[in-house]
Amino acid sequence: MNNRSSATGGKREIGEVIVITSGKGGVGKTTTTASLGAALALRGQRVLVIDADIGLRNLDVILGLENRIVFNIVDVAKKICKPSQAIIKSKKSNNLYLLPASQTDDKDVIDEAEVRYVLEQFKREFHYILVDSPAGIEQGFRNACAGAESAIVVTTPEVSAIRDADRVVGLLSSKGIEARLIINRIDFEMVRRGDMLSVRDVQDILGVEIIGVIERDEQIIVAANTGEPVVYNPKSKAGQAFTRIAARVCGEQLPIPSFMGGSIWSRITRRLGVGQ
């Protein structure tokens, strides 16, 4: 990723579009989008988070903005409203804005060309545009990837989630989109006991650069229920991790904690018959 803006200067003229994806549902894409967006905004970056999960819509709830929606991404794509009318400013930050999804349309109501049109309306106004992709690899995923320069793939240290992440990494590569990885909901005590895949296990399996590791943290649930991203809680380990991820997105070189423990990958591969 090049031409990143920093919190102290060097702002690029056109914002960087990053798709947040996974393939599998329920691994924390929406929480990641909201938390990373808020963390970048705290660094002085102007950030737009876009909910591309048309027909469902959850990013507004995580940000506590569900009661302020008038227009949505479909309205912008279809030129029903001006782009500026559809975005909603965060109640916690002057640098963070939301473009919500529609709850009443089907996922295929807009296409990739229309998504690119939407992005072009905002690229010069924001330093970063984070696109929250729906689960799966159908039209909604293709739309979310349209216009993205890079991707952050979110997975949990579970075989099913990693399998889906591997599929998504391959699809992103075929589109020429560079992917980096967030490992979410890792329990380091389970890793030490050899009951959960380690950071190194996941990296070895997927072969993708890791940009962050999020420890399992009940404060994420509290944050989601209160509509305030976890980065606003200085005591939250997950919030601290998202703050470090934001620094890496902005180009800072920070080490990734490995928390090495007993690996269970060899047992899993034997059970699945991998390499036999």
C-alpha atoms as a PDB file:
ATOM      1  CA  MET A   1       0.000   0.000   0.000  1.00  0.00           C
ATOM      2  CA  ASN A   2       1.448   3.305  -0.943  1.00  0.00           C
ATOM      3  CA  ASN A   3       0.767   7.002  -0.563  1.00  0.00           C
ATOM      4  CA  ARG A   4      -0.648   6.556   2.912  1.00  0.00           C
ATOM      5  CA  SER A   5      -1.516   9.701   4.797  1.00  0.00           C
ATOM      6  CA  SER A   6      -0.163  10.150   8.298  1.00  0.00           C
ATOM      7  CA  ALA A   7      -1.636  11.819  11.345  1.00  0.00           C
ATOM      8  CA  THR A   8       0.948  14.573  11.134  1.00  0.00           C
ATOM      9  CA  GLY A   9       0.939  15.335   7.426  1.00  0.00           C
ATOM     10  CA  GLY A  10       1.583  13.948   3.987  1.00  0.00           C
ATOM     11  CA  LYS A  11      -2.114  13.635   3.230  1.00  0.00           C
ATOM     12  CA  ARG A  12      -2.898  12.065  -0.109  1.00  0.00           C
ATOM     13  CA  GLU A  13      -5.278  13.856  -2.435  1.00  0.00           C
ATOM     14  CA  ILE A  14      -7.417  10.766  -3.060  1.00  0.00           C
ATOM     15  CA  GLY A  15      -8.540   8.541  -0.195  1.00  0.00           C
ATOM     16  CA  GLU A  16      -7.525   4.898   0.113  1.00  0.00           C
ATOM     17  CA  VAL A  17     -10.367   2.387  -0.232  1.00  0.00           C
ATOM     18  CA  ILE A  18     -10.026  -0.710   1.968  1.00  0.00           C
ATOM     19  CA  VAL A  19     -12.567  -3.541   1.891  1.00  0.00           C
ATOM     20  CA  ILE A  20     -13.103  -5.428   5.160  1.00  0.00           C
ATOM     21  CA  THR A  21     -14.102  -8.989   4.328  1.00  0.00           C
ATOM     22  CA  SER A  22     -13.923 -12.633   5.401  1.00  0.00           C
ATOM     23  CA  GLY A  23     -16.209 -14.952   3.471  1.00  0.00           C
ATOM     24  CA  LYS A  24     -17.637 -16.415   6.667  1.00  0.00           C
ATOM     25  CA  GLY A  25     -20.278 -14.572   8.630  1.00  0.00           C
ATOM     26  CA  GLY A  26     -20.014 -13.841  12.318  1.00  0.00           C
ATOM     27  CA  VAL A  27     -16.246 -13.381  12.561  1.00  0.00           C
ATOM     28  CA  GLY A  28     -16.358  -9.661  13.386  1.00  0.00           C
ATOM     29  CA  LYS A  29     -16.162  -7.736  10.085  1.00  0.00           C
ATOM     30  CA  THR A  30     -18.631  -5.043  11.107  1.00  0.00           C
ATOM     31  CA  THR A  31     -17.059  -4.557  14.531  1.00  0.00           C
ATOM     32  CA  THR A  32     -13.660  -4.356  12.829  1.00  0.00           C
ATOM     33  CA  THR A  33     -14.904  -1.762  10.331  1.00  0.00           C
ATOM     34  CA  ALA A  34     -16.390   0.432  13.065  1.00  0.00           C
ATOM     35  CA  SER A  35     -13.463   0.050  15.472  1.00  0.00           C
ATOM     36  CA  LEU A  36     -10.750   0.585  12.873  1.00  0.00           C
ATOM     37  CA  GLY A  37     -12.622   3.553  11.436  1.00  0.00           C
ATOM     38  CA  ALA A  38     -12.912   5.116  14.882  1.00  0.00           C
ATOM     39  CA  ALA A  39      -9.233   4.423  15.653  1.00  0.00           C
ATOM     40  CA  LEU A  40      -8.132   6.072  12.402  1.00  0.00           C
ATOM     41  CA  ALA A  41     -10.370   9.056  13.147  1.00  0.00           C
ATOM     42  CA  LEU A  42      -8.744   9.422  16.564  1.00  0.00           C
ATOM     43  CA  ARG A  43      -5.419   9.740  14.724  1.00  0.00           C
ATOM     44  CA  GLY A  44      -6.724  12.767  12.837  1.00  0.00           C
ATOM     45  CA  GLN A  45      -7.676  10.936   9.653  1.00  0.00           C
ATOM     46  CA  ARG A  46     -10.991  11.708   7.942  1.00  0.00           C
ATOM     47  CA  VAL A  47     -12.722   8.344   7.600  1.00  0.00           C
ATOM     48  CA  LEU A  48     -15.857   7.138   5.844  1.00  0.00           C
ATOM     49  CA  VAL A  49     -17.171   3.700   6.729  1.00  0.00           C
ATOM     50  CA  ILE A  50     -19.570   2.190   4.200  1.00  0.00           C
ATOM     51  CA  ASP A  51     -22.058  -0.574   4.973  1.00  0.00           C
ATOM     52  CA  ALA A  52     -22.207  -2.696   1.803  1.00  0.00           C
ATOM     53  CA  ASP A  53     -24.429  -5.369   3.381  1.00  0.00           C
ATOM     54  CA  ILE A  54     -27.563  -4.324   1.503  1.00  0.00           C
ATOM     55  CA  GLY A  55     -30.742  -5.867   2.893  1.00  0.00           C
ATOM     56  CA  LEU A  56     -29.455  -6.285   6.438  1.00  0.00           C
ATOM     57  CA  ARG A  57     -27.518  -3.226   7.747  1.00  0.00           C
ATOM     58  CA  ASN A  58     -25.709  -3.403  11.089  1.00  0.00           C
ATOM     59  CA  LEU A  59     -22.852  -0.896  10.934  1.00  0.00           C
ATOM     60  CA  ASP A  60     -25.197   1.937  11.940  1.00  0.00           C
ATOM     61  CA  VAL A  61     -26.124   0.089  15.148  1.00  0.00           C
ATOM     62  CA  ILE A  62     -22.481  -0.538  16.095  1.00  0.00           C
ATOM     63  CA  LEU A  63     -21.843   3.201  15.680  1.00  0.00           C
ATOM     64  CA  GLY A  64     -25.031   4.245  17.493  1.00  0.00           C
ATOM     65  CA  LEU A  65     -26.394   6.055  14.427  1.00  0.00           C
ATOM     66  CA  GLU A  66     -29.436   3.926  13.590  1.00  0.00           C
ATOM     67  CA  ASN A  67     -31.914   6.714  14.372  1.00  0.00           C
ATOM     68  CA  ARG A  68     -30.275   9.279  12.093  1.00  0.00           C
ATOM     69  CA  ILE A  69     -30.524   7.506   8.738  1.00  0.00           C
ATOM     70  CA  VAL A  70     -32.405   9.281   5.941  1.00  0.00           C
ATOM     71  CA  PHE A  71     -30.631   8.135   2.749  1.00  0.00           C
ATOM     72  CA  ASN A  72     -28.321   5.213   2.035  1.00  0.00           C
ATOM     73  CA  ILE A  73     -25.767   3.814  -0.419  1.00  0.00           C
ATOM     74  CA  VAL A  74     -28.473   2.782  -2.895  1.00  0.00           C
ATOM     75  CA  ASP A  75     -29.875   6.320  -2.940  1.00  0.00           C
ATOM     76  CA  VAL A  76     -26.408   7.676  -3.761  1.00  0.00           C
ATOM     77  CA  ALA A  77     -25.799   5.015  -6.425  1.00  0.00           C
ATOM     78  CA  LYS A  78     -29.155   5.732  -8.090  1.00  0.00           C
ATOM     79  CA  LYS A  79     -28.645   9.527  -7.760  1.00  0.00           C
ATOM     80  CA  ILE A  80     -31.799   9.892  -5.688  1.00  0.00           C
ATOM     81  CA  CYS A  81     -29.941  12.180  -3.277  1.00  0.00           C
ATOM     82  CA  LYS A  82     -26.737  14.163  -3.175  1.00  0.00           C
ATOM     83  CA  PRO A  83     -23.787  12.191  -1.738  1.00  0.00           C
ATOM     84  CA  SER A  84     -23.447  14.676   1.128  1.00  0.00           C
ATOM     85  CA  GLN A  85     -27.068  14.038   2.147  1.00  0.00           C
ATOM     86  CA  ALA A  86     -26.501  10.334   2.748  1.00  0.00           C
ATOM     87  CA  ILE A  87     -23.463  10.364   5.029  1.00  0.00           C
ATOM     88  CA  ILE A  88     -23.896  10.677   8.799  1.00  0.00           C
ATOM     89  CA  LYS A  89     -21.309  12.158  11.152  1.00  0.00           C
ATOM     90  CA  SER A  90     -20.365  10.137  14.227  1.00  0.00           C
ATOM     91  CA  LYS A  91     -21.555  11.470  17.571  1.00  0.00           C
ATOM     92  CA  LYS A  92     -18.082  10.766  19.015  1.00  0.00           C
ATOM     93  CA  SER A  93     -15.806  12.194  16.306  1.00  0.00           C
ATOM     94  CA  ASN A  94     -15.824  14.971  13.737  1.00  0.00           C
ATOM     95  CA  ASN A  95     -13.549  12.815  11.552  1.00  0.00           C
ATOM     96  CA  LEU A  96     -15.748   9.708  11.288  1.00  0.00           C
ATOM     97  CA  TYR A  97     -18.730   9.353   8.930  1.00  0.00           C
ATOM     98  CA  LEU A  98     -21.080   6.527   7.941  1.00  0.00           C
ATOM     99  CA  LEU A  99     -22.730   5.730   4.611  1.00  0.00           C
ATOM    100  CA  PRO A 100     -25.419   3.204   5.614  1.00  0.00           C
ATOM    101  CA  ALA A 101     -26.820   0.295   3.640  1.00  0.00           C
ATOM    102  CA  SER A 102     -30.430  -0.058   2.577  1.00  0.00           C
ATOM    103  CA  GLN A 103     -32.558  -2.460   4.598  1.00  0.00           C
ATOM    104  CA  THR A 104     -35.328  -2.774   2.018  1.00  0.00           C
ATOM    105  CA  ASP A 105     -33.436  -3.656  -1.170  1.00  0.00           C
ATOM    106  CA  ASP A 106     -31.862  -6.850  -2.489  1.00  0.00           C
ATOM    107  CA  LYS A 107     -28.074  -7.244  -2.642  1.00  0.00           C
ATOM    108  CA  ASP A 108     -28.118  -7.091  -6.448  1.00  0.00           C
ATOM    109  CA  VAL A 109     -29.984  -3.755  -6.624  1.00  0.00           C
ATOM    110  CA  ILE A 110     -26.680  -2.062  -7.463  1.00  0.00           C
ATOM    111  CA  ASP A 111     -23.707  -3.332  -9.426  1.00  0.00           C
ATOM    112  CA  GLU A 112     -19.935  -2.881  -9.296  1.00  0.00           C
ATOM    113  CA  ALA A 113     -19.952   0.110 -11.632  1.00  0.00           C
ATOM    114  CA  GLU A 114     -22.440   1.909  -9.377  1.00  0.00           C
ATOM    115  CA  VAL A 115     -20.328   1.156  -6.302  1.00  0.00           C
ATOM    116  CA  ARG A 116     -17.305   2.676  -8.059  1.00  0.00           C
ATOM    117  CA  TYR A 117     -19.422   5.737  -8.825  1.00  0.00           C
ATOM    118  CA  VAL A 118     -20.313   6.035  -5.122  1.00  0.00           C
ATOM    119  CA  LEU A 119     -16.666   5.777  -4.082  1.00  0.00           C
ATOM    120  CA  GLU A 120     -15.626   8.448  -6.559  1.00  0.00           C
ATOM    121  CA  GLN A 121     -18.027  10.893  -4.875  1.00  0.00           C
ATOM    122  CA  PHE A 122     -16.116  10.615  -1.589  1.00  0.00           C
ATOM    123  CA  LYS A 123     -12.484   9.838  -2.399  1.00  0.00           C
ATOM    124  CA  ARG A 124     -11.332  13.446  -2.348  1.00  0.00           C
ATOM    125  CA  GLU A 125     -13.120  14.172   0.922  1.00  0.00           C
ATOM    126  CA  PHE A 126     -11.732  11.336   3.038  1.00  0.00           C
ATOM    127  CA  HIS A 127      -8.289   9.900   3.755  1.00  0.00           C
ATOM    128  CA  TYR A 128      -9.661   6.372   4.239  1.00  0.00           C
ATOM    129  CA  ILE A 129     -12.842   4.682   3.046  1.00  0.00           C
ATOM    130  CA  LEU A 130     -13.563   1.363   4.773  1.00  0.00           C
ATOM    131  CA  VAL A 131     -16.129  -0.885   3.067  1.00  0.00           C
ATOM    132  CA  ASP A 132     -17.866  -3.460   5.269  1.00  0.00           C
ATOM    133  CA  SER A 133     -18.447  -6.479   3.022  1.00  0.00           C
ATOM    134  CA  PRO A 134     -21.365  -8.877   3.496  1.00  0.00           C
ATOM    135  CA  ALA A 135     -20.711 -12.552   4.202  1.00  0.00           C
ATOM    136  CA  GLY A 136     -20.313 -14.922   1.273  1.00  0.00           C
ATOM    137  CA  ILE A 137     -18.639 -14.533  -2.105  1.00  0.00           C
ATOM    138  CA  GLU A 138     -21.606 -13.594  -4.281  1.00  0.00           C
ATOM    139  CA  GLN A 139     -22.661 -10.237  -5.760  1.00  0.00           C
ATOM    140  CA  GLY A 140     -22.505  -8.442  -2.431  1.00  0.00           C
ATOM    141  CA  PHE A 141     -18.855  -9.427  -2.020  1.00  0.00           C
ATOM    142  CA  ARG A 142     -18.041  -8.401  -5.595  1.00  0.00           C
ATOM    143  CA  ASN A 143     -19.715  -5.042  -5.042  1.00  0.00           C
ATOM    144  CA  ALA A 144     -17.804  -4.442  -1.807  1.00  0.00           C
ATOM    145  CA  CYS A 145     -14.506  -5.157  -3.582  1.00  0.00           C
ATOM    146  CA  ALA A 146     -15.254  -2.796  -6.467  1.00  0.00           C
ATOM    147  CA  GLY A 147     -12.817   0.084  -6.366  1.00  0.00           C
ATOM    148  CA  ALA A 148     -10.870  -1.293  -3.384  1.00  0.00           C
ATOM    149  CA  GLU A 149      -7.113  -0.836  -3.452  1.00  0.00           C
ATOM    150  CA  SER A 150      -6.473  -3.249  -0.591  1.00  0.00           C
ATOM    151  CA  ALA A 151      -8.301  -5.600   1.747  1.00  0.00           C
ATOM    152  CA  ILE A 152      -8.307  -6.609   5.368  1.00  0.00           C
ATOM    153  CA  VAL A 153      -9.491 -10.190   5.792  1.00  0.00           C
ATOM    154  CA  VAL A 154     -10.946 -10.958   9.228  1.00  0.00           C
ATOM    155  CA  THR A 155     -10.836 -14.501  10.567  1.00  0.00           C
ATOM    156  CA  THR A 156     -11.103 -16.288  13.867  1.00  0.00           C
ATOM    157  CA  PRO A 157      -8.656 -19.099  14.781  1.00  0.00           C
ATOM    158  CA  GLU A 158     -11.119 -21.822  13.774  1.00  0.00           C
ATOM    159  CA  VAL A 159     -10.739 -24.210  10.858  1.00  0.00           C
ATOM    160  CA  SER A 160     -14.037 -23.270   9.157  1.00  0.00           C
ATOM    161  CA  ALA A 161     -13.305 -19.544   9.348  1.00  0.00           C
ATOM    162  CA  ILE A 162      -9.752 -20.022   8.092  1.00  0.00           C
ATOM    163  CA  ARG A 163     -10.941 -22.175   5.199  1.00  0.00           C
ATOM    164  CA  ASP A 164     -13.341 -19.410   4.105  1.00  0.00           C
ATOM    165  CA  ALA A 165     -10.639 -16.769   4.597  1.00  0.00           C
ATOM    166  CA  ASP A 166      -8.296 -18.756   2.369  1.00  0.00           C
ATOM    167  CA  ARG A 167     -10.934 -18.816  -0.372  1.00  0.00           C
ATOM    168  CA  VAL A 168     -11.459 -15.054  -0.076  1.00  0.00           C
ATOM    169  CA  VAL A 169      -7.717 -14.350  -0.153  1.00  0.00           C
ATOM    170  CA  GLY A 170      -7.549 -16.271  -3.442  1.00  0.00           C
ATOM    171  CA  LEU A 171     -10.459 -14.308  -4.908  1.00  0.00           C
ATOM    172  CA  LEU A 172      -8.914 -11.007  -3.848  1.00  0.00           C
ATOM    173  CA  SER A 173      -5.600 -12.006  -5.403  1.00  0.00           C
ATOM    174  CA  SER A 174      -7.357 -12.785  -8.693  1.00  0.00           C
ATOM    175  CA  LYS A 175      -8.740  -9.226  -8.630  1.00  0.00           C
ATOM    176  CA  GLY A 176      -5.293  -7.768  -7.958  1.00  0.00           C
ATOM    177  CA  ILE A 177      -6.256  -6.667  -4.434  1.00  0.00           C
ATOM    178  CA  GLU A 178      -3.569  -6.965  -1.756  1.00  0.00           C
ATOM    179  CA  ALA A 179      -4.869  -8.610   1.429  1.00  0.00           C
ATOM    180  CA  ARG A 180      -3.730  -8.388   5.014  1.00  0.00           C
ATOM    181  CA  LEU A 181      -5.129 -10.368   7.918  1.00  0.00           C
ATOM    182  CA  ILE A 182      -6.735  -9.675  11.283  1.00  0.00           C
ATOM    183  CA  ILE A 183      -7.039 -12.639  13.641  1.00  0.00           C
ATOM    184  CA  ASN A 184     -10.056 -11.950  15.828  1.00  0.00           C
ATOM    185  CA  ARG A 185     -11.233 -13.446  19.149  1.00  0.00           C
ATOM    186  CA  ILE A 186      -8.051 -15.310  19.941  1.00  0.00           C
ATOM    187  CA  ASP A 187      -7.781 -16.750  23.458  1.00  0.00           C
ATOM    188  CA  PHE A 188      -4.118 -16.851  24.399  1.00  0.00           C
ATOM    189  CA  GLU A 189      -4.704 -19.179  27.352  1.00  0.00           C
ATOM    190  CA  MET A 190      -6.237 -21.728  24.971  1.00  0.00           C
ATOM    191  CA  VAL A 191      -3.281 -21.205  22.615  1.00  0.00           C
ATOM    192  CA  ARG A 192      -0.844 -21.860  25.478  1.00  0.00           C
ATOM    193  CA  ARG A 193      -2.720 -25.075  26.318  1.00  0.00           C
ATOM    194  CA  GLY A 194      -2.596 -26.168  22.699  1.00  0.00           C
ATOM    195  CA  ASP A 195      -6.385 -26.038  22.358  1.00  0.00           C
ATOM    196  CA  MET A 196      -6.542 -23.187  19.805  1.00  0.00           C
ATOM    197  CA  LEU A 197      -4.622 -22.349  16.651  1.00  0.00           C
ATOM    198  CA  SER A 198      -1.787 -19.914  17.319  1.00  0.00           C
ATOM    199  CA  VAL A 199      -0.976 -16.732  15.411  1.00  0.00           C
ATOM    200  CA  ARG A 200       1.847 -18.572  13.652  1.00  0.00           C
ATOM    201  CA  ASP A 201      -0.481 -21.479  12.764  1.00  0.00           C
ATOM    202  CA  VAL A 202      -2.940 -19.112  11.060  1.00  0.00           C
ATOM    203  CA  GLN A 203      -0.192 -17.230   9.236  1.00  0.00           C
ATOM    204  CA  ASP A 204       1.416 -20.463   8.050  1.00  0.00           C
ATOM    205  CA  ILE A 205      -1.922 -21.749   6.753  1.00  0.00           C
ATOM    206  CA  LEU A 206      -2.965 -18.589   4.915  1.00  0.00           C
ATOM    207  CA  GLY A 207       0.412 -17.139   3.975  1.00  0.00           C
ATOM    208  CA  VAL A 208      -0.898 -13.582   4.355  1.00  0.00           C
ATOM    209  CA  GLU A 209       0.685 -10.673   6.221  1.00  0.00           C
ATOM    210  CA  ILE A 210      -0.955 -10.148   9.606  1.00  0.00           C
ATOM    211  CA  ILE A 211      -1.889  -6.562  10.414  1.00  0.00           C
ATOM    212  CA  GLY A 212      -3.420  -7.257  13.818  1.00  0.00           C
ATOM    213  CA  VAL A 213      -4.429  -9.749  16.486  1.00  0.00           C
ATOM    214  CA  ILE A 214      -7.543  -9.106  18.577  1.00  0.00           C
ATOM    215  CA  GLU A 215      -7.810 -10.870  21.905  1.00  0.00           C
ATOM    216  CA  ARG A 216     -11.203 -12.185  22.979  1.00  0.00           C
ATOM    217  CA  ASP A 217     -12.712  -9.320  24.977  1.00  0.00           C
ATOM    218  CA  GLU A 218     -16.200  -8.993  26.466  1.00  0.00           C
ATOM    219  CA  GLN A 219     -15.897  -5.212  26.128  1.00  0.00           C
ATOM    220  CA  ILE A 220     -16.577  -5.639  22.390  1.00  0.00           C
ATOM    221  CA  ILE A 221     -20.063  -6.909  23.228  1.00  0.00           C
ATOM    222  CA  VAL A 222     -20.611  -3.996  25.606  1.00  0.00           C
ATOM    223  CA  ALA A 223     -19.413  -1.557  22.939  1.00  0.00           C
ATOM    224  CA  ALA A 224     -21.722  -3.019  20.288  1.00  0.00           C
ATOM    225  CA  ASN A 225     -24.723  -2.818  22.600  1.00  0.00           C
ATOM    226  CA  THR A 226     -24.021   0.800  23.533  1.00  0.00           C
ATOM    227  CA  GLY A 227     -23.199   2.013  20.012  1.00  0.00           C
ATOM    228  CA  GLU A 228     -19.686   3.182  20.913  1.00  0.00           C
ATOM    229  CA  PRO A 229     -16.701   1.490  19.207  1.00  0.00           C
ATOM    230  CA  VAL A 230     -14.415  -0.276  21.642  1.00  0.00           C
ATOM    231  CA  VAL A 231     -11.451   2.014  20.880  1.00  0.00           C
ATOM    232  CA  TYR A 232     -13.079   4.678  23.055  1.00  0.00           C
ATOM    233  CA  ASN A 233     -12.547   2.412  26.083  1.00  0.00           C
ATOM    234  CA  PRO A 234      -8.872   2.780  27.115  1.00  0.00           C
ATOM    235  CA  LYS A 235      -9.097  -0.294  29.359  1.00  0.00           C
ATOM    236  CA  SER A 236     -10.193  -2.611  26.555  1.00  0.00           C
ATOM    237  CA  LYS A 237      -7.505  -4.953  25.196  1.00  0.00           C
ATOM    238  CA  ALA A 238      -9.415  -5.174  21.926  1.00  0.00           C
ATOM    239  CA  GLY A 239      -9.604  -1.374  21.746  1.00  0.00           C
ATOM    240  CA  GLN A 240      -5.856  -1.128  22.269  1.00  0.00           C
ATOM    241  CA  ALA A 241      -5.305  -3.706  19.523  1.00  0.00           C
ATOM    242  CA  PHE A 242      -7.462  -1.754  17.051  1.00  0.00           C
ATOM    243  CA  THR A 243      -5.490   1.390  17.916  1.00  0.00           C
ATOM    244  CA  ARG A 244      -2.274  -0.435  16.989  1.00  0.00           C
ATOM    245  CA  ILE A 245      -3.856  -1.697  13.766  1.00  0.00           C
ATOM    246  CA  ALA A 246      -4.793   1.868  12.833  1.00  0.00           C
ATOM    247  CA  ALA A 247      -1.165   2.866  13.350  1.00  0.00           C
ATOM    248  CA  ARG A 248      -0.036   0.075  11.002  1.00  0.00           C
ATOM    249  CA  VAL A 249      -2.599   1.116   8.386  1.00  0.00           C
ATOM    250  CA  CYS A 250      -1.044   4.590   8.540  1.00  0.00           C
ATOM    251  CA  GLY A 251       2.380   3.101   7.883  1.00  0.00           C
ATOM    252  CA  GLU A 252       3.856   2.685  11.360  1.00  0.00           C
ATOM    253  CA  GLN A 253       5.993  -0.409  11.911  1.00  0.00           C
ATOM    254  CA  LEU A 254       4.730  -2.049  15.106  1.00  0.00           C
ATOM    255  CA  PRO A 255       5.468  -5.653  16.124  1.00  0.00           C
ATOM    256  CA  ILE A 256       2.696  -8.250  16.040  1.00  0.00           C
ATOM    257  CA  PRO A 257       2.403 -10.256  19.296  1.00  0.00           C
ATOM    258  CA  SER A 258       2.717 -13.981  18.664  1.00  0.00           C
ATOM    259  CA  PHE A 259       1.934 -15.448  22.115  1.00  0.00           C
ATOM    260  CA  MET A 260       3.414 -18.764  21.106  1.00  0.00           C
ATOM    261  CA  GLY A 261       1.967 -21.909  22.609  1.00  0.00           C
ATOM    262  CA  GLY A 262       1.433 -25.538  21.784  1.00  0.00           C
ATOM    263  CA  SER A 263       0.245 -25.873  18.198  1.00  0.00           C
ATOM    264  CA  ILE A 264      -2.778 -28.027  17.406  1.00  0.00           C
ATOM    265  CA  TRP A 265      -2.412 -27.653  13.632  1.00  0.00           C
ATOM    266  CA  SER A 266      -0.642 -31.003  13.256  1.00  0.00           C
ATOM    267  CA  ARG A 267      -3.555 -32.749  15.001  1.00  0.00           C
ATOM    268  CA  ILE A 268      -6.070 -30.959  12.794  1.00  0.00           C
ATOM    269  CA  THR A 269      -4.244 -31.826   9.578  1.00  0.00           C
ATOM    270  CA  ARG A 270      -4.167 -35.487  10.584  1.00  0.00           C
ATOM    271  CA  ARG A 271      -7.914 -35.420  11.280  1.00  0.00           C
ATOM    272  CA  LEU A 272      -8.648 -33.735   7.951  1.00  0.00           C
ATOM    273  CA  GLY A 273      -6.165 -35.865   6.059  1.00  0.00           C
ATOM    274  CA  VAL A 274      -4.210 -32.837   4.857  1.00  0.00           C
ATOM    275  CA  GLY A 275      -0.930 -33.778   3.214  1.00  0.00           C
ATOM    276  CA  GLN A 276      -1.709 -37.510   3.282  1.00  0.00           C
END
